[in-house]
Every structure is written in structure tokens, then in C-alpha cells.
């Protein structure tokens, strides 16, 4: 559906009043939400809000390039319409999930990503989000690792300062070949000291390496703002019970957002089942 048709649908009378039995998914200060990669990638925003409301997911991170089309090219009026849709729903706008990255050895590519990040920051502000997700995405060949990590950190400080001016947090996903290794993330944040520069913990197998999950998480916990969890029904993929116990112990009180690549046959049913497991883990 074209963006014009999308907003005509909304203007035609589709609104979201909170269901009487809707309760925000919040336990031990944690909140449950959805990243629209991949369980919501094919839904336009009205459908997405209804699906999250039904499953009692209380927030959405809107992955860029997907069917909801909440992108920096929206007009001022379209941005207001998105903000109104969230305001009329019990589901919160966590913010855009971008693919902006800062590891390229090409200065022009790096500059383009920084400028695109700033455009997403302005979009986030306009639609009522609280922050944007960015990422490192690998280590270029023939470039010293330390140089790349420093470049990423300094780039994060630039966009974090811009974000702070607009009330938008920068959340760096623990992501990418080489860059998702916790020692490298720690180094990136030694070069990124701006208080608005935060971590999006990504629940990767690499978290368990080296010093182990507990020490790796504790090394970054003061910077962690959001967490990408996965399909909690599969304990073998990550030690969920241990991890949630650690979150409760350290007083994490932010978003835990389901980001799962494997798409189930029945996404709404899977979301409901995940919420049940999440409540057990978070309570």
C-alpha cells in the first residue's frame, strides 16, 4: 500500500482505544515490546498496533524498510498522523530501528550514515519515540581494529549529542561480525562517553564467551537502555532464566523487545505464548 493510501485508511476512521482488559506488560520495572524484525515486518502500522495490543505487548521498535513505512521521508502531517495513532493506542512508540552504522573506512559512507542517523532522530522526535536503534556491523579488512572501534565510538558521540538536543536516545545494538564481541563493544564505549550514548543488549551467543554472561553484562549494565530478546520459548538458544535473574538483580527497568528472525506459522499465537513465558521470567 502506498503511503497516501495508508494514511487515508487512518483518516477514514481507524482509531485505537485501549481495550478494557489491556494491561501494560510490566514486571519488576521491565516492559515487553516488539521489534518488527521479523514478526511484524509485513504489517502496516494500524494492523501492527492491533496485533501488539491483542498480545499485550506494550511497545514497538519500528524496523526501517518494513511495511509500516515509518521513514524519514514522511511529511510533517504524516508524522503527526503516526504520533496520533500511537497516542490513541495503549501501545507505545519505542522508536525507529535503523540500519545506520559507522564502521566504514570510506569517509563519504560514514558521513552519509551519520546524516541519516540525524534524520531518524528528527523522525523519532516527531512521532513520539524515545530513542533510535543504530548498530556497528563489522570490522573492515586492512584497517586496525582499534582504529575502527574508535571511529564508531566518536561517531556515536556526534549523533548522541544531536539526539540529546532533541530528546532522543541513541541505542547501539550489540551487533556485527567482530563488533558484537563484548570486549569490542566495551572499547567502543570507552570512545563514546556522551551520556546519551546507550547500549541495546542483543542476547547473542557471543555474550557467553570470554568472562561469561554475568561479567560481560555487568561491564556494560550502566549503559544498557534497551534489550533485544528472542523467542523465549526456546531456552537452548540463550540462558533466559539466568539472564532475567541478572536483570532483576541489577534493577534493569527498561524495554525488553522481542526480535526474532524465524517466523512462526501463527505470529499472534506465538506472541501470546512468549508473553506468558516473559511474565514468568520477569516476575
C-alpha atoms as a PDB file:
ATOM      1  CA  UNK A   1       0.000   0.000   0.000  1.00  0.00           C
ATOM      2  CA  UNK A   2       1.308   3.457  -0.870  1.00  0.00           C
ATOM      3  CA  UNK A   3       1.919   5.894   1.949  1.00  0.00           C
ATOM      4  CA  UNK A   4      -1.014   8.052   0.807  1.00  0.00           C
ATOM      5  CA  UNK A   5      -3.400   5.089   0.969  1.00  0.00           C
ATOM      6  CA  UNK A   6      -2.008   4.118   4.321  1.00  0.00           C
ATOM      7  CA  UNK A   7      -2.802   7.442   5.897  1.00  0.00           C
ATOM      8  CA  UNK A   8      -6.170   7.678   4.132  1.00  0.00           C
ATOM      9  CA  UNK A   9      -7.072   4.439   5.900  1.00  0.00           C
ATOM     10  CA  UNK A  10      -6.211   6.025   9.219  1.00  0.00           C
ATOM     11  CA  UNK A  11      -8.029   9.240   8.405  1.00  0.00           C
ATOM     12  CA  UNK A  12     -11.045   7.184   7.381  1.00  0.00           C
ATOM     13  CA  UNK A  13     -11.814   6.428  10.984  1.00  0.00           C
ATOM     14  CA  UNK A  14      -9.461   3.708  12.227  1.00  0.00           C
ATOM     15  CA  UNK A  15      -8.555   4.558  15.800  1.00  0.00           C
ATOM     16  CA  UNK A  16      -7.260   2.590  18.733  1.00  0.00           C
ATOM     17  CA  UNK A  17      -8.945   2.953  22.099  1.00  0.00           C
ATOM     18  CA  UNK A  18      -7.378   0.939  24.877  1.00  0.00           C
ATOM     19  CA  UNK A  19      -9.118  -2.372  25.335  1.00  0.00           C
ATOM     20  CA  UNK A  20     -10.752  -2.631  28.788  1.00  0.00           C
ATOM     21  CA  UNK A  21      -8.698  -5.707  29.638  1.00  0.00           C
ATOM     22  CA  UNK A  22      -5.386  -4.346  28.331  1.00  0.00           C
ATOM     23  CA  UNK A  23      -2.695  -4.274  30.963  1.00  0.00           C
ATOM     24  CA  UNK A  24       0.764  -2.988  30.173  1.00  0.00           C
ATOM     25  CA  UNK A  25       3.284  -5.808  30.206  1.00  0.00           C
ATOM     26  CA  UNK A  26       5.438  -4.509  33.030  1.00  0.00           C
ATOM     27  CA  UNK A  27       7.062  -6.643  35.710  1.00  0.00           C
ATOM     28  CA  UNK A  28       9.968  -5.799  38.015  1.00  0.00           C
ATOM     29  CA  UNK A  29      10.215  -2.491  36.189  1.00  0.00           C
ATOM     30  CA  UNK A  30      10.726  -4.220  32.828  1.00  0.00           C
ATOM     31  CA  UNK A  31       8.418  -3.715  29.851  1.00  0.00           C
ATOM     32  CA  UNK A  32       7.680  -6.077  26.986  1.00  0.00           C
ATOM     33  CA  UNK A  33       7.637  -4.870  23.398  1.00  0.00           C
ATOM     34  CA  UNK A  34       8.173  -5.994  19.814  1.00  0.00           C
ATOM     35  CA  UNK A  35      10.869  -5.285  17.263  1.00  0.00           C
ATOM     36  CA  UNK A  36       9.200  -5.530  13.873  1.00  0.00           C
ATOM     37  CA  UNK A  37      12.030  -7.669  12.508  1.00  0.00           C
ATOM     38  CA  UNK A  38      10.653 -10.215  11.601  1.00  0.00           C
ATOM     39  CA  UNK A  39       7.361 -10.796  13.406  1.00  0.00           C
ATOM     40  CA  UNK A  40       5.829  -7.535  12.248  1.00  0.00           C
ATOM     41  CA  UNK A  41       7.658  -6.726   9.035  1.00  0.00           C
ATOM     42  CA  UNK A  42       4.657  -7.327   6.764  1.00  0.00           C
ATOM     43  CA  UNK A  43       2.135  -5.293   8.751  1.00  0.00           C
ATOM     44  CA  UNK A  44       1.136  -1.698   8.214  1.00  0.00           C
ATOM     45  CA  UNK A  45       1.010   0.388  11.345  1.00  0.00           C
ATOM     46  CA  UNK A  46      -2.726   0.101  12.144  1.00  0.00           C
ATOM     47  CA  UNK A  47      -2.547  -3.705  11.954  1.00  0.00           C
ATOM     48  CA  UNK A  48       0.682  -3.755  13.919  1.00  0.00           C
ATOM     49  CA  UNK A  49      -0.786  -1.742  16.768  1.00  0.00           C
ATOM     50  CA  UNK A  50      -3.829  -4.005  16.935  1.00  0.00           C
ATOM     51  CA  UNK A  51      -1.679  -7.134  16.986  1.00  0.00           C
ATOM     52  CA  UNK A  52       0.525  -5.806  19.797  1.00  0.00           C
ATOM     53  CA  UNK A  53      -2.489  -4.636  21.786  1.00  0.00           C
ATOM     54  CA  UNK A  54      -4.127  -8.040  21.489  1.00  0.00           C
ATOM     55  CA  UNK A  55      -0.951  -9.805  22.640  1.00  0.00           C
ATOM     56  CA  UNK A  56      -0.443  -7.211  25.399  1.00  0.00           C
ATOM     57  CA  UNK A  57       2.914  -6.083  24.075  1.00  0.00           C
ATOM     58  CA  UNK A  58       3.166  -2.523  25.307  1.00  0.00           C
ATOM     59  CA  UNK A  59       5.731  -1.052  22.907  1.00  0.00           C
ATOM     60  CA  UNK A  60       7.079  -1.245  19.354  1.00  0.00           C
ATOM     61  CA  UNK A  61      10.501  -0.629  17.847  1.00  0.00           C
ATOM     62  CA  UNK A  62       9.715   0.133  14.200  1.00  0.00           C
ATOM     63  CA  UNK A  63      12.309  -1.507  11.974  1.00  0.00           C
ATOM     64  CA  UNK A  64      13.172   0.645   8.996  1.00  0.00           C
ATOM     65  CA  UNK A  65      12.387  -0.571   5.439  1.00  0.00           C
ATOM     66  CA  UNK A  66       9.393  -2.662   6.529  1.00  0.00           C
ATOM     67  CA  UNK A  67       5.723  -2.470   5.548  1.00  0.00           C
ATOM     68  CA  UNK A  68       4.746   0.142   8.153  1.00  0.00           C
ATOM     69  CA  UNK A  69       6.848   2.662   6.173  1.00  0.00           C
ATOM     70  CA  UNK A  70       7.637   4.939   9.113  1.00  0.00           C
ATOM     71  CA  UNK A  71      10.659   6.532   7.489  1.00  0.00           C
ATOM     72  CA  UNK A  72      12.410   9.926   7.414  1.00  0.00           C
ATOM     73  CA  UNK A  73      10.694  10.752   4.103  1.00  0.00           C
ATOM     74  CA  UNK A  74       7.304  11.149   5.811  1.00  0.00           C
ATOM     75  CA  UNK A  75       5.844  14.624   5.601  1.00  0.00           C
ATOM     76  CA  UNK A  76       5.140  16.722   8.673  1.00  0.00           C
ATOM     77  CA  UNK A  77       1.445  15.836   8.517  1.00  0.00           C
ATOM     78  CA  UNK A  78       2.164  12.134   8.104  1.00  0.00           C
ATOM     79  CA  UNK A  79       4.443  12.238  11.137  1.00  0.00           C
ATOM     80  CA  UNK A  80       1.649  13.820  13.151  1.00  0.00           C
ATOM     81  CA  UNK A  81      -0.674  11.034  11.998  1.00  0.00           C
ATOM     82  CA  UNK A  82       1.757   8.377  13.226  1.00  0.00           C
ATOM     83  CA  UNK A  83       2.062  10.185  16.553  1.00  0.00           C
ATOM     84  CA  UNK A  84      -1.737  10.346  16.815  1.00  0.00           C
ATOM     85  CA  UNK A  85      -2.062   6.625  16.138  1.00  0.00           C
ATOM     86  CA  UNK A  86       0.293   5.834  18.998  1.00  0.00           C
ATOM     87  CA  UNK A  87      -1.404   8.397  21.249  1.00  0.00           C
ATOM     88  CA  UNK A  88      -4.758   6.680  20.617  1.00  0.00           C
ATOM     89  CA  UNK A  89      -3.299   3.255  21.405  1.00  0.00           C
ATOM     90  CA  UNK A  90      -2.110   1.686  24.668  1.00  0.00           C
ATOM     91  CA  UNK A  91       0.993   0.626  22.712  1.00  0.00           C
ATOM     92  CA  UNK A  92       3.971   2.991  22.996  1.00  0.00           C
ATOM     93  CA  UNK A  93       6.378   4.086  20.294  1.00  0.00           C
ATOM     94  CA  UNK A  94       9.786   2.908  21.450  1.00  0.00           C
ATOM     95  CA  UNK A  95      11.330   4.461  18.343  1.00  0.00           C
ATOM     96  CA  UNK A  96      12.768   3.598  14.926  1.00  0.00           C
ATOM     97  CA  UNK A  97      15.102   0.655  14.487  1.00  0.00           C
ATOM     98  CA  UNK A  98      17.609   1.848  11.904  1.00  0.00           C
ATOM     99  CA  UNK A  99      20.422   0.214   9.968  1.00  0.00           C
ATOM    100  CA  UNK A 100      22.703   3.207  10.491  1.00  0.00           C
ATOM    101  CA  UNK A 101      26.309   2.124  11.084  1.00  0.00           C
ATOM    102  CA  UNK A 102      29.697   3.808  11.474  1.00  0.00           C
ATOM    103  CA  UNK A 103      32.415   1.274  10.703  1.00  0.00           C
ATOM    104  CA  UNK A 104      33.082   2.074   7.021  1.00  0.00           C
ATOM    105  CA  UNK A 105      36.594   3.059   6.045  1.00  0.00           C
ATOM    106  CA  UNK A 106      35.105   5.311   3.339  1.00  0.00           C
ATOM    107  CA  UNK A 107      34.607   8.824   4.805  1.00  0.00           C
ATOM    108  CA  UNK A 108      31.712   9.527   2.411  1.00  0.00           C
ATOM    109  CA  UNK A 109      29.845   6.399   3.543  1.00  0.00           C
ATOM    110  CA  UNK A 110      30.471   7.251   7.179  1.00  0.00           C
ATOM    111  CA  UNK A 111      29.174  10.802   6.682  1.00  0.00           C
ATOM    112  CA  UNK A 112      26.075   9.504   4.889  1.00  0.00           C
ATOM    113  CA  UNK A 113      25.267   7.197   7.813  1.00  0.00           C
ATOM    114  CA  UNK A 114      25.720   9.974  10.343  1.00  0.00           C
ATOM    115  CA  UNK A 115      23.428  12.303   8.394  1.00  0.00           C
ATOM    116  CA  UNK A 116      20.849   9.529   8.012  1.00  0.00           C
ATOM    117  CA  UNK A 117      21.014   8.954  11.764  1.00  0.00           C
ATOM    118  CA  UNK A 118      20.218  12.612  12.365  1.00  0.00           C
ATOM    119  CA  UNK A 119      17.231  12.338  10.025  1.00  0.00           C
ATOM    120  CA  UNK A 120      15.934   9.370  12.025  1.00  0.00           C
ATOM    121  CA  UNK A 121      16.432  11.337  15.253  1.00  0.00           C
ATOM    122  CA  UNK A 122      14.151  14.074  13.950  1.00  0.00           C
ATOM    123  CA  UNK A 123      11.617  11.460  12.820  1.00  0.00           C
ATOM    124  CA  UNK A 124      11.704   9.830  16.249  1.00  0.00           C
ATOM    125  CA  UNK A 125      11.044  13.141  17.960  1.00  0.00           C
ATOM    126  CA  UNK A 126       8.116  13.901  15.661  1.00  0.00           C
ATOM    127  CA  UNK A 127       6.368  10.538  16.117  1.00  0.00           C
ATOM    128  CA  UNK A 128       6.761  10.484  19.893  1.00  0.00           C
ATOM    129  CA  UNK A 129       9.530   7.885  20.210  1.00  0.00           C
ATOM    130  CA  UNK A 130      12.149   7.956  22.933  1.00  0.00           C
ATOM    131  CA  UNK A 131      15.193   6.739  21.015  1.00  0.00           C
ATOM    132  CA  UNK A 132      16.592   5.119  17.900  1.00  0.00           C
ATOM    133  CA  UNK A 133      18.492   1.884  17.418  1.00  0.00           C
ATOM    134  CA  UNK A 134      21.773   2.020  15.494  1.00  0.00           C
ATOM    135  CA  UNK A 135      24.497  -0.606  15.110  1.00  0.00           C
ATOM    136  CA  UNK A 136      28.065  -1.481  14.345  1.00  0.00           C
ATOM    137  CA  UNK A 137      28.144  -4.043  11.565  1.00  0.00           C
ATOM    138  CA  UNK A 138      31.614  -5.466  11.203  1.00  0.00           C
ATOM    139  CA  UNK A 139      35.315  -4.681  11.014  1.00  0.00           C
ATOM    140  CA  UNK A 140      36.739  -3.575   7.640  1.00  0.00           C
ATOM    141  CA  UNK A 141      39.691  -5.510   6.292  1.00  0.00           C
ATOM    142  CA  UNK A 142      43.086  -3.833   6.252  1.00  0.00           C
ATOM    143  CA  UNK A 143      42.063  -1.373   8.970  1.00  0.00           C
ATOM    144  CA  UNK A 144      43.393  -1.768  12.524  1.00  0.00           C
ATOM    145  CA  UNK A 145      40.579  -2.962  14.781  1.00  0.00           C
ATOM    146  CA  UNK A 146      41.300  -0.295  17.382  1.00  0.00           C
ATOM    147  CA  UNK A 147      41.010   2.457  14.733  1.00  0.00           C
ATOM    148  CA  UNK A 148      37.598   1.188  13.625  1.00  0.00           C
ATOM    149  CA  UNK A 149      36.314   0.875  17.178  1.00  0.00           C
ATOM    150  CA  UNK A 150      37.464   4.418  17.967  1.00  0.00           C
ATOM    151  CA  UNK A 151      35.760   5.723  14.805  1.00  0.00           C
ATOM    152  CA  UNK A 152      32.500   4.033  15.793  1.00  0.00           C
ATOM    153  CA  UNK A 153      32.690   5.455  19.311  1.00  0.00           C
ATOM    154  CA  UNK A 154      33.402   9.008  18.157  1.00  0.00           C
ATOM    155  CA  UNK A 155      30.621   8.815  15.577  1.00  0.00           C
ATOM    156  CA  UNK A 156      28.239   7.683  18.299  1.00  0.00           C
ATOM    157  CA  UNK A 157      29.184  10.709  20.381  1.00  0.00           C
ATOM    158  CA  UNK A 158      28.356  13.007  17.469  1.00  0.00           C
ATOM    159  CA  UNK A 159      24.900  11.559  16.922  1.00  0.00           C
ATOM    160  CA  UNK A 160      24.304  11.219  20.677  1.00  0.00           C
ATOM    161  CA  UNK A 161      24.907  14.943  21.121  1.00  0.00           C
ATOM    162  CA  UNK A 162      22.497  15.712  18.292  1.00  0.00           C
ATOM    163  CA  UNK A 163      19.975  13.312  19.788  1.00  0.00           C
ATOM    164  CA  UNK A 164      20.275  14.909  23.216  1.00  0.00           C
ATOM    165  CA  UNK A 165      19.367  18.273  21.689  1.00  0.00           C
ATOM    166  CA  UNK A 166      16.087  16.688  20.522  1.00  0.00           C
ATOM    167  CA  UNK A 167      15.326  14.428  23.482  1.00  0.00           C
ATOM    168  CA  UNK A 168      16.136  11.240  21.548  1.00  0.00           C
ATOM    169  CA  UNK A 169      18.357   8.492  22.950  1.00  0.00           C
ATOM    170  CA  UNK A 170      20.933   6.634  20.804  1.00  0.00           C
ATOM    171  CA  UNK A 171      20.844   2.858  21.406  1.00  0.00           C
ATOM    172  CA  UNK A 172      23.735   0.922  19.880  1.00  0.00           C
ATOM    173  CA  UNK A 173      22.852  -2.687  19.206  1.00  0.00           C
ATOM    174  CA  UNK A 174      25.500  -5.266  20.117  1.00  0.00           C
ATOM    175  CA  UNK A 175      25.766  -6.441  16.512  1.00  0.00           C
ATOM    176  CA  UNK A 176      28.026  -7.390  13.638  1.00  0.00           C
ATOM    177  CA  UNK A 177      30.825  -9.827  12.895  1.00  0.00           C
ATOM    178  CA  UNK A 178      33.607  -8.995  15.312  1.00  0.00           C
ATOM    179  CA  UNK A 179      31.875  -5.900  16.666  1.00  0.00           C
ATOM    180  CA  UNK A 180      29.332  -7.937  18.645  1.00  0.00           C
ATOM    181  CA  UNK A 181      32.116  -9.380  20.783  1.00  0.00           C
ATOM    182  CA  UNK A 182      31.746  -7.831  24.212  1.00  0.00           C
ATOM    183  CA  UNK A 183      35.389  -6.675  24.586  1.00  0.00           C
ATOM    184  CA  UNK A 184      34.997  -4.713  21.336  1.00  0.00           C
ATOM    185  CA  UNK A 185      31.705  -3.188  22.466  1.00  0.00           C
ATOM    186  CA  UNK A 186      33.398  -2.159  25.710  1.00  0.00           C
ATOM    187  CA  UNK A 187      36.160  -0.494  23.694  1.00  0.00           C
ATOM    188  CA  UNK A 188      33.635   1.328  21.505  1.00  0.00           C
ATOM    189  CA  UNK A 189      32.034   2.813  24.601  1.00  0.00           C
ATOM    190  CA  UNK A 190      35.374   3.868  26.015  1.00  0.00           C
ATOM    191  CA  UNK A 191      35.486   6.146  22.968  1.00  0.00           C
ATOM    192  CA  UNK A 192      31.824   7.135  23.301  1.00  0.00           C
ATOM    193  CA  UNK A 193      31.416   8.982  26.574  1.00  0.00           C
ATOM    194  CA  UNK A 194      28.337  11.090  25.867  1.00  0.00           C
ATOM    195  CA  UNK A 195      25.641  10.252  28.446  1.00  0.00           C
ATOM    196  CA  UNK A 196      23.052   9.965  25.664  1.00  0.00           C
ATOM    197  CA  UNK A 197      25.024   7.143  24.012  1.00  0.00           C
ATOM    198  CA  UNK A 198      23.481   3.874  25.212  1.00  0.00           C
ATOM    199  CA  UNK A 199      23.669   0.124  24.586  1.00  0.00           C
ATOM    200  CA  UNK A 200      20.993  -2.113  23.130  1.00  0.00           C
ATOM    201  CA  UNK A 201      21.919  -5.551  24.529  1.00  0.00           C
ATOM    202  CA  UNK A 202      21.180  -8.117  21.825  1.00  0.00           C
ATOM    203  CA  UNK A 203      21.259 -11.529  23.570  1.00  0.00           C
ATOM    204  CA  UNK A 204      23.894 -13.001  21.246  1.00  0.00           C
ATOM    205  CA  UNK A 205      25.695 -16.315  21.832  1.00  0.00           C
ATOM    206  CA  UNK A 206      28.899 -14.234  21.984  1.00  0.00           C
ATOM    207  CA  UNK A 207      27.649 -12.808  25.302  1.00  0.00           C
ATOM    208  CA  UNK A 208      28.508 -16.146  26.913  1.00  0.00           C
ATOM    209  CA  UNK A 209      32.125 -16.163  25.731  1.00  0.00           C
ATOM    210  CA  UNK A 210      35.212 -14.858  27.498  1.00  0.00           C
ATOM    211  CA  UNK A 211      34.302 -13.803  31.026  1.00  0.00           C
ATOM    212  CA  UNK A 212      30.801 -15.257  30.672  1.00  0.00           C
ATOM    213  CA  UNK A 213      27.326 -13.733  30.659  1.00  0.00           C
ATOM    214  CA  UNK A 214      27.354 -12.248  34.135  1.00  0.00           C
ATOM    215  CA  UNK A 215      30.664 -10.391  33.909  1.00  0.00           C
ATOM    216  CA  UNK A 216      30.052  -9.334  30.311  1.00  0.00           C
ATOM    217  CA  UNK A 217      26.672  -7.836  31.150  1.00  0.00           C
ATOM    218  CA  UNK A 218      27.914  -6.167  34.326  1.00  0.00           C
ATOM    219  CA  UNK A 219      30.695  -4.499  32.332  1.00  0.00           C
ATOM    220  CA  UNK A 220      28.061  -2.652  30.281  1.00  0.00           C
ATOM    221  CA  UNK A 221      24.977  -2.572  32.529  1.00  0.00           C
ATOM    222  CA  UNK A 222      25.236   1.148  33.294  1.00  0.00           C
ATOM    223  CA  UNK A 223      24.960   1.902  29.567  1.00  0.00           C
ATOM    224  CA  UNK A 224      22.222  -0.621  28.729  1.00  0.00           C
ATOM    225  CA  UNK A 225      18.963   1.127  27.826  1.00  0.00           C
ATOM    226  CA  UNK A 226      17.051  -1.453  25.792  1.00  0.00           C
ATOM    227  CA  UNK A 227      17.335  -5.200  25.327  1.00  0.00           C
ATOM    228  CA  UNK A 228      16.541  -7.314  22.289  1.00  0.00           C
ATOM    229  CA  UNK A 229      15.331 -10.692  23.465  1.00  0.00           C
ATOM    230  CA  UNK A 230      14.357 -13.550  21.181  1.00  0.00           C
ATOM    231  CA  UNK A 231      11.845 -16.398  21.233  1.00  0.00           C
ATOM    232  CA  UNK A 232      11.739 -17.132  24.966  1.00  0.00           C
ATOM    233  CA  UNK A 233      10.084 -20.466  24.318  1.00  0.00           C
ATOM    234  CA  UNK A 234      13.495 -21.846  23.328  1.00  0.00           C
ATOM    235  CA  UNK A 235      15.769 -21.959  26.371  1.00  0.00           C
ATOM    236  CA  UNK A 236      18.520 -23.722  24.410  1.00  0.00           C
ATOM    237  CA  UNK A 237      19.229 -20.559  22.411  1.00  0.00           C
ATOM    238  CA  UNK A 238      20.121 -18.429  25.443  1.00  0.00           C
ATOM    239  CA  UNK A 239      20.068 -18.927  29.230  1.00  0.00           C
ATOM    240  CA  UNK A 240      16.917 -16.876  29.701  1.00  0.00           C
ATOM    241  CA  UNK A 241      16.324 -17.747  33.362  1.00  0.00           C
ATOM    242  CA  UNK A 242      19.875 -16.753  34.284  1.00  0.00           C
ATOM    243  CA  UNK A 243      19.675 -13.588  32.237  1.00  0.00           C
ATOM    244  CA  UNK A 244      16.357 -12.363  33.633  1.00  0.00           C
ATOM    245  CA  UNK A 245      17.577 -13.091  37.167  1.00  0.00           C
ATOM    246  CA  UNK A 246      20.559 -10.874  36.371  1.00  0.00           C
ATOM    247  CA  UNK A 247      18.293  -8.125  35.048  1.00  0.00           C
ATOM    248  CA  UNK A 248      16.212  -8.183  38.221  1.00  0.00           C
ATOM    249  CA  UNK A 249      19.300  -8.263  40.418  1.00  0.00           C
ATOM    250  CA  UNK A 250      20.764  -5.196  38.704  1.00  0.00           C
ATOM    251  CA  UNK A 251      17.468  -3.303  38.622  1.00  0.00           C
ATOM    252  CA  UNK A 252      17.016  -3.051  34.864  1.00  0.00           C
ATOM    253  CA  UNK A 253      13.810  -1.104  34.254  1.00  0.00           C
ATOM    254  CA  UNK A 254      13.631  -0.629  30.501  1.00  0.00           C
ATOM    255  CA  UNK A 255      12.302  -2.291  27.376  1.00  0.00           C
ATOM    256  CA  UNK A 256      12.822  -5.962  26.608  1.00  0.00           C
ATOM    257  CA  UNK A 257      11.887  -6.190  22.927  1.00  0.00           C
ATOM    258  CA  UNK A 258      11.244  -9.418  21.042  1.00  0.00           C
ATOM    259  CA  UNK A 259      13.404  -9.541  17.903  1.00  0.00           C
ATOM    260  CA  UNK A 260      13.188 -12.926  16.234  1.00  0.00           C
ATOM    261  CA  UNK A 261      14.282 -13.907  12.744  1.00  0.00           C
ATOM    262  CA  UNK A 262      12.418 -17.209  12.473  1.00  0.00           C
ATOM    263  CA  UNK A 263       8.773 -16.518  11.650  1.00  0.00           C
ATOM    264  CA  UNK A 264       6.206 -18.878  13.228  1.00  0.00           C
ATOM    265  CA  UNK A 265       3.129 -20.080  11.355  1.00  0.00           C
ATOM    266  CA  UNK A 266       0.880 -18.128  13.740  1.00  0.00           C
ATOM    267  CA  UNK A 267       2.583 -14.923  14.865  1.00  0.00           C
ATOM    268  CA  UNK A 268      -0.220 -13.666  17.202  1.00  0.00           C
ATOM    269  CA  UNK A 269      -0.326 -17.047  18.971  1.00  0.00           C
ATOM    270  CA  UNK A 270       3.468 -17.065  19.306  1.00  0.00           C
ATOM    271  CA  UNK A 271       3.394 -13.550  20.768  1.00  0.00           C
ATOM    272  CA  UNK A 272       0.823 -14.620  23.350  1.00  0.00           C
ATOM    273  CA  UNK A 273       2.924 -17.633  24.319  1.00  0.00           C
ATOM    274  CA  UNK A 274       6.083 -15.529  24.572  1.00  0.00           C
ATOM    275  CA  UNK A 275       4.298 -13.041  26.797  1.00  0.00           C
ATOM    276  CA  UNK A 276       3.300 -15.854  29.181  1.00  0.00           C
ATOM    277  CA  UNK A 277       6.909 -17.052  29.417  1.00  0.00           C
ATOM    278  CA  UNK A 278       8.129 -13.452  29.774  1.00  0.00           C
ATOM    279  CA  UNK A 279       5.815 -12.854  32.737  1.00  0.00           C
ATOM    280  CA  UNK A 280       7.199 -15.922  34.472  1.00  0.00           C
ATOM    281  CA  UNK A 281      10.783 -14.812  33.867  1.00  0.00           C
ATOM    282  CA  UNK A 282      10.254 -11.152  34.748  1.00  0.00           C
ATOM    283  CA  UNK A 283       8.101 -11.569  37.847  1.00  0.00           C
END
